[in-house]
């Protein structure tokens, strides 16, 4: 594994990248949940 120096530098972009991914994942779950509720009689 790379030294802590690389990890510290890589932590910032990865954190930023996780935020949108989390929001997208939550939105997908919410959309699929709503679709399932509408589809069910």
PDB file of N, CA and C in Angstrom:
ATOM      1  N   UNK A   1       0.843  -1.207   0.000  1.00  0.00           N
ATOM      2  CA  UNK A   1       0.000   0.000   0.000  1.00  0.00           C
ATOM      3  C   UNK A   1       0.876   1.254   0.000  1.00  0.00           C
ATOM      4  N   UNK A   2       0.383   2.321  -0.606  1.00  0.00           N
ATOM      5  CA  UNK A   2       1.168   3.568  -0.660  1.00  0.00           C
ATOM      6  C   UNK A   2       1.290   4.191   0.724  1.00  0.00           C
ATOM      7  N   UNK A   3       2.271   5.082   0.895  1.00  0.00           N
ATOM      8  CA  UNK A   3       2.469   5.745   2.193  1.00  0.00           C
ATOM      9  C   UNK A   3       1.267   6.606   2.571  1.00  0.00           C
ATOM     10  N   UNK A   4       1.236   7.044   3.836  1.00  0.00           N
ATOM     11  CA  UNK A   4       0.109   7.850   4.319  1.00  0.00           C
ATOM     12  C   UNK A   4       0.003   9.164   3.547  1.00  0.00           C
ATOM     13  N   UNK A   5       1.125   9.619   3.012  1.00  0.00           N
ATOM     14  CA  UNK A   5       1.108  10.880   2.265  1.00  0.00           C
ATOM     15  C   UNK A   5       0.142  10.774   1.083  1.00  0.00           C
ATOM     16  N   UNK A   6       0.225   9.668   0.346  1.00  0.00           N
ATOM     17  CA  UNK A   6      -0.653   9.462  -0.807  1.00  0.00           C
ATOM     18  C   UNK A   6      -2.095   9.288  -0.343  1.00  0.00           C
ATOM     19  N   UNK A   7      -2.279   8.578   0.775  1.00  0.00           N
ATOM     20  CA  UNK A   7      -3.627   8.339   1.281  1.00  0.00           C
ATOM     21  C   UNK A   7      -4.282   9.670   1.648  1.00  0.00           C
ATOM     22  N   UNK A   8      -3.524  10.539   2.323  1.00  0.00           N
ATOM     23  CA  UNK A   8      -4.064  11.837   2.719  1.00  0.00           C
ATOM     24  C   UNK A   8      -4.445  12.665   1.502  1.00  0.00           C
ATOM     25  N   UNK A   9      -3.627  12.590   0.456  1.00  0.00           N
ATOM     26  CA  UNK A   9      -3.923  13.359  -0.755  1.00  0.00           C
ATOM     27  C   UNK A   9      -5.132  12.765  -1.469  1.00  0.00           C
ATOM     28  N   UNK A  10      -5.261  11.464  -1.417  1.00  0.00           N
ATOM     29  CA  UNK A  10      -6.336  10.789  -2.148  1.00  0.00           C
ATOM     30  C   UNK A  10      -7.652  10.835  -1.384  1.00  0.00           C
ATOM     31  N   UNK A  11      -7.558  11.126  -0.090  1.00  0.00           N
ATOM     32  CA  UNK A  11      -8.764  11.108   0.739  1.00  0.00           C
ATOM     33  C   UNK A  11      -9.735  12.219   0.335  1.00  0.00           C
ATOM     34  N   UNK A  12      -9.211  13.400   0.040  1.00  0.00           N
ATOM     35  CA  UNK A  12     -10.098  14.531  -0.263  1.00  0.00           C
ATOM     36  C   UNK A  12     -10.956  14.284  -1.511  1.00  0.00           C
ATOM     37  N   UNK A  13     -10.363  13.937  -2.658  1.00  0.00           N
ATOM     38  CA  UNK A  13     -11.172  13.707  -3.866  1.00  0.00           C
ATOM     39  C   UNK A  13     -12.150  12.546  -3.685  1.00  0.00           C
ATOM     40  N   UNK A  14     -11.700  11.474  -3.010  1.00  0.00           N
ATOM     41  CA  UNK A  14     -12.558  10.305  -2.826  1.00  0.00           C
ATOM     42  C   UNK A  14     -13.764  10.694  -1.977  1.00  0.00           C
ATOM     43  N   UNK A  15     -13.528  11.523  -0.966  1.00  0.00           N
ATOM     44  CA  UNK A  15     -14.640  11.954  -0.113  1.00  0.00           C
ATOM     45  C   UNK A  15     -15.647  12.750  -0.932  1.00  0.00           C
ATOM     46  N   UNK A  16     -15.128  13.626  -1.776  1.00  0.00           N
ATOM     47  CA  UNK A  16     -16.017  14.437  -2.623  1.00  0.00           C
ATOM     48  C   UNK A  16     -16.791  13.538  -3.586  1.00  0.00           C
ATOM     49  N   UNK A  17     -16.118  12.511  -4.081  1.00  0.00           N
ATOM     50  CA  UNK A  17     -16.754  11.605  -5.034  1.00  0.00           C
ATOM     51  C   UNK A  17     -17.801  10.725  -4.364  1.00  0.00           C
ATOM     52  N   UNK A  18     -17.603  10.440  -3.088  1.00  0.00           N
ATOM     53  CA  UNK A  18     -18.566   9.582  -2.381  1.00  0.00           C
ATOM     54  C   UNK A  18     -19.879  10.341  -2.171  1.00  0.00           C
ATOM     55  N   UNK A  19     -19.792  11.631  -1.926  1.00  0.00           N
ATOM     56  CA  UNK A  19     -21.009  12.403  -1.635  1.00  0.00           C
ATOM     57  C   UNK A  19     -22.040  12.305  -2.766  1.00  0.00           C
ATOM     58  N   UNK A  20     -21.686  12.649  -3.998  1.00  0.00           N
ATOM     59  CA  UNK A  20     -22.670  12.543  -5.099  1.00  0.00           C
ATOM     60  C   UNK A  20     -23.137  11.109  -5.301  1.00  0.00           C
ATOM     61  N   UNK A  21     -22.222  10.164  -5.135  1.00  0.00           N
ATOM     62  CA  UNK A  21     -22.581   8.754  -5.326  1.00  0.00           C
ATOM     63  C   UNK A  21     -23.621   8.347  -4.295  1.00  0.00           C
ATOM     64  N   UNK A  22     -23.440   8.813  -3.067  1.00  0.00           N
ATOM     65  CA  UNK A  22     -24.408   8.486  -2.009  1.00  0.00           C
ATOM     66  C   UNK A  22     -25.759   9.094  -2.324  1.00  0.00           C
ATOM     67  N   UNK A  23     -25.763  10.347  -2.755  1.00  0.00           N
ATOM     68  CA  UNK A  23     -27.020  11.024  -3.090  1.00  0.00           C
ATOM     69  C   UNK A  23     -27.711  10.300  -4.236  1.00  0.00           C
ATOM     70  N   UNK A  24     -26.932   9.909  -5.240  1.00  0.00           N
ATOM     71  CA  UNK A  24     -27.501   9.200  -6.388  1.00  0.00           C
ATOM     72  C   UNK A  24     -28.066   7.857  -5.946  1.00  0.00           C
ATOM     73  N   UNK A  25     -27.355   7.172  -5.069  1.00  0.00           N
ATOM     74  CA  UNK A  25     -27.825   5.884  -4.574  1.00  0.00           C
ATOM     75  C   UNK A  25     -29.117   6.034  -3.793  1.00  0.00           C
ATOM     76  N   UNK A  26     -29.181   7.055  -2.946  1.00  0.00           N
ATOM     77  CA  UNK A  26     -30.401   7.303  -2.163  1.00  0.00           C
ATOM     78  C   UNK A  26     -31.554   7.670  -3.083  1.00  0.00           C
ATOM     79  N   UNK A  27     -31.279   8.480  -4.096  1.00  0.00           N
ATOM     80  CA  UNK A  27     -32.321   8.884  -5.044  1.00  0.00           C
ATOM     81  C   UNK A  27     -32.833   7.669  -5.807  1.00  0.00           C
ATOM     82  N   UNK A  28     -31.923   6.784  -6.184  1.00  0.00           N
ATOM     83  CA  UNK A  28     -32.323   5.568  -6.906  1.00  0.00           C
ATOM     84  C   UNK A  28     -33.197   4.693  -6.023  1.00  0.00           C
ATOM     85  N   UNK A  29     -32.806   4.564  -4.756  1.00  0.00           N
ATOM     86  CA  UNK A  29     -33.598   3.745  -3.820  1.00  0.00           C
ATOM     87  C   UNK A  29     -34.979   4.369  -3.628  1.00  0.00           C
ATOM     88  N   UNK A  30     -35.025   5.688  -3.466  1.00  0.00           N
ATOM     89  CA  UNK A  30     -36.305   6.368  -3.265  1.00  0.00           C
ATOM     90  C   UNK A  30     -37.181   6.225  -4.503  1.00  0.00           C
ATOM     91  N   UNK A  31     -36.587   6.385  -5.687  1.00  0.00           N
ATOM     92  CA  UNK A  31     -37.358   6.279  -6.933  1.00  0.00           C
ATOM     93  C   UNK A  31     -37.906   4.873  -7.106  1.00  0.00           C
ATOM     94  N   UNK A  32     -37.067   3.874  -6.863  1.00  0.00           N
ATOM     95  CA  UNK A  32     -37.517   2.485  -7.005  1.00  0.00           C
ATOM     96  C   UNK A  32     -38.594   2.182  -5.973  1.00  0.00           C
ATOM     97  N   UNK A  33     -38.469   2.746  -4.781  1.00  0.00           N
ATOM     98  CA  UNK A  33     -39.478   2.532  -3.744  1.00  0.00           C
ATOM     99  C   UNK A  33     -40.806   3.138  -4.145  1.00  0.00           C
ATOM    100  N   UNK A  34     -40.773   4.353  -4.690  1.00  0.00           N
ATOM    101  CA  UNK A  34     -42.002   5.019  -5.136  1.00  0.00           C
ATOM    102  C   UNK A  34     -42.613   4.244  -6.294  1.00  0.00           C
ATOM    103  N   UNK A  35     -41.778   3.796  -7.224  1.00  0.00           N
ATOM    104  CA  UNK A  35     -42.268   3.037  -8.381  1.00  0.00           C
ATOM    105  C   UNK A  35     -42.941   1.750  -7.910  1.00  0.00           C
ATOM    106  N   UNK A  36     -42.347   1.076  -6.927  1.00  0.00           N
ATOM    107  CA  UNK A  36     -42.931  -0.165  -6.406  1.00  0.00           C
ATOM    108  C   UNK A  36     -44.272   0.128  -5.737  1.00  0.00           C
ATOM    109  N   UNK A  37     -44.350   1.252  -5.019  1.00  0.00           N
ATOM    110  CA  UNK A  37     -45.603   1.614  -4.340  1.00  0.00           C
ATOM    111  C   UNK A  37     -46.685   1.927  -5.365  1.00  0.00           C
ATOM    112  N   UNK A  38     -46.313   2.619  -6.444  1.00  0.00           N
ATOM    113  CA  UNK A  38     -47.300   2.970  -7.473  1.00  0.00           C
ATOM    114  C   UNK A  38     -47.714   1.730  -8.260  1.00  0.00           C
ATOM    115  N   UNK A  39     -46.768   0.823  -8.472  1.00  0.00           N
ATOM    116  CA  UNK A  39     -47.048  -0.377  -9.266  1.00  0.00           C
ATOM    117  C   UNK A  39     -47.942  -1.337  -8.486  1.00  0.00           C
ATOM    118  N   UNK A  40     -47.766  -1.384  -7.165  1.00  0.00           N
ATOM    119  CA  UNK A  40     -48.572  -2.318  -6.364  1.00  0.00           C
ATOM    120  C   UNK A  40     -50.015  -1.816  -6.266  1.00  0.00           C
ATOM    121  N   UNK A  41     -50.984  -2.714  -6.365  1.00  0.00           N
ATOM    122  CA  UNK A  41     -52.400  -2.317  -6.328  1.00  0.00           C
ATOM    123  C   UNK A  41     -52.858  -1.892  -4.929  1.00  0.00           C
TER     124      UNK A  41
END
